[in-house]
Amino acid sequence: MQRELTDEFDRVTPFVRSSPKVFTATADDLSVSIAPTLHTKRLGTTGGKVGVDPQDVLQAQEFGGRRMDKRSEVALRRAGILPNGFQTALPENPYPGSDDGRGNIRGAFVAQLISYLQASSEQGYRANMTDKRRKQIHKGTAKTTGRRYFVSYGRLRGHHLAMGVWAASGTHGSDVRPVLMFVRRPMYKPRISMERVARGAGLQDYLDRRVRFRLREALGV
């Protein structure tokens, strides 16, 4: 299962790659389950990184269709920033310091962005940023460039920039770059198949051989 995830995805994250777990049989439940999840006990229990379970992340990749909203998208939508029917995506050239090297936005960066935009209402995000802290970001430090974030809604509201969150820096904010784009909910095609993985592993043949071995051992033949 880990090999399937590594082969089918470009720069798969450790969060997803290491998610497959084995839930062994017990006296009360004789079934064995293998699933990409953060649950530490039996399937169906509460678990997951900041409320997100790898199984939920992989649903659209397994069956196709639309993916679930990310935690950050839920926060932006509740704050009235992300329009209905839209999700977020990084621009082709990610804003400096925003991506994790695998095409995903860094957790610490998106947390700061949510806080800056006063959209923090979900557990796991820092409280909304104070005016003092926002002014510090505008000014910058010896290690970071001063910047101001703002939202554009493109042609929906007569803005000349594409829909998304942008950053303005430099003299009088002349350097304007995209940070997080708002895109129509995409439709995904199936890319992985856990059923195919199970068939390829030859589990039924292995189980049959083990049962025959144990029977012969028990009967002394």
Protein backbone atom coordinates (compact mmCIF):
# COMPACT_ATOMS: atom_id res chain seq x y z
CA MET A 1 0.00 0.00 0.00
CA GLN A 2 2.87 2.38 0.78
CA ARG A 3 4.46 1.51 -2.56
CA GLU A 4 1.18 2.28 -4.37
CA LEU A 5 0.99 5.71 -2.73
CA THR A 6 4.64 6.45 -3.52
CA ASP A 7 4.41 5.34 -7.16
CA GLU A 8 1.14 7.08 -8.02
CA PHE A 9 1.71 10.49 -6.44
CA ASP A 10 4.28 13.16 -7.22
CA ARG A 11 6.34 13.96 -4.11
CA VAL A 12 3.92 12.24 -1.74
CA THR A 13 4.07 13.62 1.79
CA PRO A 14 5.30 11.48 4.71
CA PHE A 15 1.89 12.15 6.30
CA VAL A 16 0.18 10.14 3.55
CA ARG A 17 2.97 7.69 2.70
CA SER A 18 3.35 6.40 6.25
CA SER A 19 -0.39 6.28 6.97
CA PRO A 20 -1.21 2.59 6.16
CA LYS A 21 -1.75 0.68 9.40
CA VAL A 22 -2.59 -2.91 10.34
CA PHE A 23 -5.43 -3.54 12.78
CA THR A 24 -4.92 -7.10 13.98
CA ALA A 25 -7.66 -9.51 14.95
CA THR A 26 -8.83 -9.75 18.53
CA ALA A 27 -10.92 -12.25 20.48
CA ASP A 28 -13.95 -9.98 19.99
CA ASP A 29 -13.25 -9.15 16.35
CA LEU A 30 -11.64 -11.85 14.20
CA SER A 31 -11.23 -9.61 11.15
CA VAL A 32 -7.98 -7.93 10.14
CA SER A 33 -8.06 -4.46 8.58
CA ILE A 34 -5.38 -2.54 6.70
CA ALA A 35 -6.10 1.11 5.98
CA PRO A 36 -4.35 4.47 5.45
CA THR A 37 -5.39 6.18 8.66
CA LEU A 38 -4.09 7.86 11.79
CA HIS A 39 -6.43 5.91 14.02
CA THR A 40 -4.45 4.09 16.67
CA LYS A 41 -7.08 1.54 17.68
CA ARG A 42 -9.91 0.14 15.58
CA LEU A 43 -11.30 1.75 12.46
CA GLY A 44 -14.05 4.27 13.06
CA THR A 45 -12.50 5.76 16.18
CA THR A 46 -11.62 9.41 16.51
CA GLY A 47 -8.16 10.32 15.34
CA GLY A 48 -6.15 12.26 12.81
CA LYS A 49 -3.82 15.20 12.38
CA VAL A 50 -5.74 18.36 13.29
CA GLY A 51 -8.98 16.51 12.62
CA VAL A 52 -7.86 15.29 9.17
CA ASP A 53 -7.54 11.58 8.43
CA PRO A 54 -5.52 10.27 5.45
CA GLN A 55 -8.54 8.18 4.39
CA ASP A 56 -10.50 11.39 3.91
CA VAL A 57 -7.64 12.97 1.99
CA LEU A 58 -7.43 9.96 -0.35
CA GLN A 59 -11.15 9.53 -1.04
CA ALA A 60 -11.10 11.54 -4.28
CA GLN A 61 -7.88 9.82 -5.41
CA GLU A 62 -9.45 6.37 -4.93
CA PHE A 63 -12.97 6.93 -6.23
CA GLY A 64 -12.72 10.18 -8.19
CA GLY A 65 -14.99 13.18 -7.75
CA ARG A 66 -14.46 16.20 -5.54
CA ARG A 67 -12.09 16.29 -2.59
CA MET A 68 -13.07 17.36 0.89
CA ASP A 69 -12.31 20.90 2.01
CA LYS A 70 -9.07 21.42 3.86
CA ARG A 71 -9.17 22.81 7.38
CA SER A 72 -7.87 26.14 6.10
CA GLU A 73 -10.58 26.26 3.41
CA VAL A 74 -13.29 25.69 6.00
CA ALA A 75 -11.90 28.59 8.06
CA LEU A 76 -11.69 30.92 5.04
CA ARG A 77 -15.20 30.03 3.93
CA ARG A 78 -16.70 30.58 7.39
CA ALA A 79 -15.01 33.97 7.51
CA GLY A 80 -16.66 34.90 4.20
CA ILE A 81 -13.33 35.07 2.36
CA LEU A 82 -13.45 31.91 0.22
CA PRO A 83 -16.57 31.91 -2.03
CA ASN A 84 -18.85 28.89 -2.19
CA GLY A 85 -17.89 26.47 -4.96
CA PHE A 86 -14.19 27.35 -4.69
CA GLN A 87 -11.16 25.73 -3.08
CA THR A 88 -7.55 26.89 -2.77
CA ALA A 89 -4.39 26.07 -4.69
CA LEU A 90 -0.82 27.31 -4.71
CA PRO A 91 0.24 29.40 -7.71
CA GLU A 92 2.63 27.89 -10.25
CA ASN A 93 5.49 29.82 -8.64
CA PRO A 94 4.80 29.60 -4.88
CA TYR A 95 5.24 32.68 -2.73
CA PRO A 96 8.62 32.53 -0.92
CA GLY A 97 8.38 30.41 2.23
CA SER A 98 4.82 29.25 1.53
CA ASP A 99 5.28 25.75 0.13
CA ASP A 100 6.73 22.59 1.67
CA GLY A 101 8.69 21.49 -1.41
CA ARG A 102 5.99 18.96 -2.36
CA GLY A 103 3.44 21.33 -3.85
CA ASN A 104 1.56 21.87 -0.59
CA ILE A 105 1.27 24.99 1.52
CA ARG A 106 3.24 24.85 4.77
CA GLY A 107 1.18 24.47 7.93
CA ALA A 108 2.90 27.31 9.77
CA PHE A 109 2.49 29.63 6.78
CA VAL A 110 -1.22 28.98 6.27
CA ALA A 111 -1.81 29.34 10.03
CA GLN A 112 -0.24 32.81 9.92
CA LEU A 113 -2.26 33.69 6.83
CA ILE A 114 -5.52 32.59 8.48
CA SER A 115 -4.64 34.62 11.56
CA TYR A 116 -3.68 37.68 9.50
CA LEU A 117 -6.97 37.59 7.58
CA GLN A 118 -8.93 37.38 10.85
CA ALA A 119 -10.40 34.04 9.78
CA SER A 120 -9.28 31.99 12.79
CA SER A 121 -12.18 30.28 14.48
CA GLU A 122 -11.22 26.61 14.29
CA GLN A 123 -9.31 24.63 16.91
CA GLY A 124 -5.69 24.18 15.84
CA TYR A 125 -5.18 27.70 14.47
CA ARG A 126 -3.70 30.58 16.39
CA ALA A 127 -5.95 33.39 17.52
CA ASN A 128 -6.66 36.19 15.08
CA MET A 129 -3.71 38.52 14.72
CA THR A 130 -3.64 41.81 16.61
CA ASP A 131 -3.16 45.11 14.80
CA LYS A 132 0.27 45.38 16.44
CA ARG A 133 1.36 42.03 15.03
CA ARG A 134 0.00 42.89 11.57
CA LYS A 135 2.01 46.12 11.58
CA GLN A 136 5.14 44.08 12.43
CA ILE A 137 4.55 41.91 9.37
CA HIS A 138 4.01 45.01 7.24
CA LYS A 139 7.32 46.39 8.45
CA GLY A 140 9.31 43.14 8.22
CA THR A 141 12.43 42.09 10.07
CA ALA A 142 16.11 41.54 9.32
CA LYS A 143 15.21 38.07 8.04
CA THR A 144 11.81 38.66 6.45
CA THR A 145 10.54 41.15 3.90
CA GLY A 146 7.72 43.42 4.97
CA ARG A 147 4.46 42.50 3.25
CA ARG A 148 0.74 43.11 3.30
CA TYR A 149 -1.80 40.42 2.42
CA PHE A 150 -5.06 41.24 0.68
CA VAL A 151 -7.85 39.36 -1.11
CA SER A 152 -8.89 39.78 -4.73
CA TYR A 153 -12.14 38.42 -6.17
CA GLY A 154 -11.21 38.93 -9.81
CA ARG A 155 -13.98 39.60 -12.28
CA LEU A 156 -16.61 38.59 -9.70
CA ARG A 157 -16.13 42.01 -8.11
CA GLY A 158 -14.37 43.94 -10.84
CA HIS A 159 -10.84 43.39 -9.49
CA HIS A 160 -7.98 43.26 -11.99
CA LEU A 161 -6.07 40.50 -10.16
CA ALA A 162 -7.08 36.83 -10.29
CA MET A 163 -9.13 35.45 -7.41
CA GLY A 164 -7.11 34.63 -4.32
CA VAL A 165 -4.90 35.97 -1.56
CA TRP A 166 -2.06 38.24 -2.71
CA ALA A 167 0.94 39.85 -1.03
CA ALA A 168 2.24 43.36 -1.67
CA SER A 169 5.80 44.26 -0.67
CA GLY A 170 8.58 46.58 -1.72
CA THR A 171 8.41 50.36 -2.11
CA HIS A 172 4.79 51.49 -1.80
CA GLY A 173 3.70 47.85 -2.24
CA SER A 174 4.85 47.77 -5.85
CA ASP A 175 5.90 44.09 -5.74
CA VAL A 176 2.60 42.18 -5.91
CA ARG A 177 2.63 38.37 -5.93
CA PRO A 178 -0.02 35.63 -5.66
CA VAL A 179 -0.01 33.64 -2.42
CA LEU A 180 -3.07 31.38 -2.46
CA MET A 181 -5.41 31.14 -5.44
CA PHE A 182 -9.17 30.53 -5.36
CA VAL A 183 -10.11 27.94 -7.97
CA ARG A 184 -13.36 26.19 -8.92
CA ARG A 185 -13.80 22.84 -7.15
CA PRO A 186 -11.94 20.38 -9.39
CA MET A 187 -13.16 16.91 -10.35
CA TYR A 188 -10.54 14.22 -9.69
CA LYS A 189 -10.05 11.02 -11.65
CA PRO A 190 -9.25 7.79 -9.74
CA ARG A 191 -5.48 7.34 -9.42
CA ILE A 192 -5.05 4.65 -6.79
CA SER A 193 -6.83 1.38 -6.05
CA MET A 194 -6.55 -0.31 -2.69
CA GLU A 195 -8.55 -3.22 -4.17
CA ARG A 196 -5.84 -3.68 -6.79
CA VAL A 197 -3.21 -3.60 -4.05
CA ALA A 198 -5.06 -6.31 -2.13
CA ARG A 199 -5.38 -8.53 -5.23
CA GLY A 200 -1.71 -8.08 -6.08
CA ALA A 201 -0.67 -9.10 -2.58
CA GLY A 202 -2.22 -12.57 -3.04
CA LEU A 203 -3.76 -12.48 0.43
CA GLN A 204 -6.34 -15.20 -0.17
CA ASP A 205 -3.71 -17.65 -1.45
CA TYR A 206 -1.49 -16.86 1.56
CA LEU A 207 -4.40 -17.36 3.97
CA ASP A 208 -5.34 -20.69 2.36
CA ARG A 209 -1.77 -21.95 2.68
CA ARG A 210 -1.55 -20.91 6.34
CA VAL A 211 -4.87 -22.59 7.17
CA ARG A 212 -3.75 -25.85 5.50
CA PHE A 213 -0.45 -25.69 7.41
CA ARG A 214 -2.19 -25.17 10.75
CA LEU A 215 -4.65 -27.99 10.07
CA ARG A 216 -1.87 -30.40 9.25
CA GLU A 217 0.04 -29.27 12.34
CA ALA A 218 -3.04 -29.76 14.56
CA LEU A 219 -3.82 -33.20 13.10
CA GLY A 220 -0.20 -34.33 13.19
CA VAL A 221 -0.10 -35.24 9.49
